């Protein structure tokens, strides 16, 4: 994938990162900074954008969801 394609996917997925981080933050029993969770999610988003192959037939949001969630946890 081209660098502009990766940047476009990252831009598209930022709202998903924030939504997942908020949902996870509410469910955690200990005090964890929300901004830290968002930062971990951004790393997962970048990995997902780098590894995404549209030829496999999945939507990017579906592919990225599990990478982002895993990176946050």
Protein backbone atom coordinates (compact mmCIF):
# COMPACT_ATOMS: atom_id res chain seq x y z
CA UNK A 1 0.00 0.00 0.00
CA UNK A 2 1.22 3.51 -0.76
CA UNK A 3 2.19 5.92 2.03
CA UNK A 4 -0.79 8.15 1.19
CA UNK A 5 -3.07 5.12 1.37
CA UNK A 6 -1.73 4.23 4.82
CA UNK A 7 -2.16 7.84 5.99
CA UNK A 8 -5.73 7.83 4.70
CA UNK A 9 -6.52 4.62 6.61
CA UNK A 10 -5.02 6.06 9.79
CA UNK A 11 -7.09 9.22 9.42
CA UNK A 12 -10.21 7.11 8.84
CA UNK A 13 -9.58 4.98 11.93
CA UNK A 14 -8.93 7.66 14.55
CA UNK A 15 -12.57 7.82 15.63
CA UNK A 16 -12.57 4.06 16.14
CA UNK A 17 -9.47 4.32 18.35
CA UNK A 18 -11.11 6.93 20.55
CA UNK A 19 -14.38 5.00 20.81
CA UNK A 20 -12.62 1.77 21.78
CA UNK A 21 -10.35 3.54 24.27
CA UNK A 22 -13.35 5.18 25.96
CA UNK A 23 -15.24 1.89 26.17
CA UNK A 24 -12.24 0.06 27.63
CA UNK A 25 -11.43 2.93 30.00
CA UNK A 26 -14.91 2.78 31.52
CA UNK A 27 -14.58 -0.94 32.16
CA UNK A 28 -11.16 -0.93 33.80
CA UNK A 29 -11.09 -1.43 37.58
CA UNK A 30 -7.92 0.63 38.05
CA UNK A 31 -7.14 4.24 37.23
CA UNK A 32 -5.50 4.40 33.81
CA UNK A 33 -5.09 7.61 31.86
CA UNK A 34 -7.42 7.73 28.85
CA UNK A 35 -4.76 9.47 26.77
CA UNK A 36 -2.42 6.50 27.35
CA UNK A 37 -5.08 4.10 26.06
CA UNK A 38 -5.61 6.29 23.01
CA UNK A 39 -1.86 6.32 22.35
CA UNK A 40 -1.71 2.52 22.53
CA UNK A 41 -4.69 2.35 20.20
CA UNK A 42 -2.97 4.67 17.73
CA UNK A 43 -0.05 2.23 17.60
CA UNK A 44 -2.44 -0.61 16.84
CA UNK A 45 -4.11 1.52 14.18
CA UNK A 46 -0.77 2.26 12.51
CA UNK A 47 0.10 -1.46 12.46
CA UNK A 48 -3.32 -2.29 11.01
CA UNK A 49 -2.96 0.36 8.29
CA UNK A 50 0.49 -0.95 7.42
CA UNK A 51 -0.64 -4.58 7.20
CA UNK A 52 -4.09 -4.12 5.65
CA UNK A 53 -4.66 -5.80 2.30
CA UNK A 54 -7.93 -4.72 0.65
CA UNK A 55 -7.68 -7.71 -1.71
CA UNK A 56 -8.53 -10.04 1.20
CA UNK A 57 -12.13 -8.81 1.20
CA UNK A 58 -12.40 -7.38 4.72
CA UNK A 59 -13.31 -3.81 5.53
CA UNK A 60 -10.55 -1.80 7.14
CA UNK A 61 -12.61 -0.98 10.23
CA UNK A 62 -13.20 -4.68 10.90
CA UNK A 63 -9.53 -5.51 10.39
CA UNK A 64 -8.34 -2.59 12.52
CA UNK A 65 -10.80 -3.18 15.38
CA UNK A 66 -8.97 -6.24 16.68
CA UNK A 67 -5.51 -4.69 16.26
CA UNK A 68 -6.54 -1.54 18.11
CA UNK A 69 -8.28 -3.43 20.90
CA UNK A 70 -5.32 -5.76 21.34
CA UNK A 71 -2.86 -2.86 21.44
CA UNK A 72 -4.91 -1.09 24.11
CA UNK A 73 -5.11 -4.18 26.31
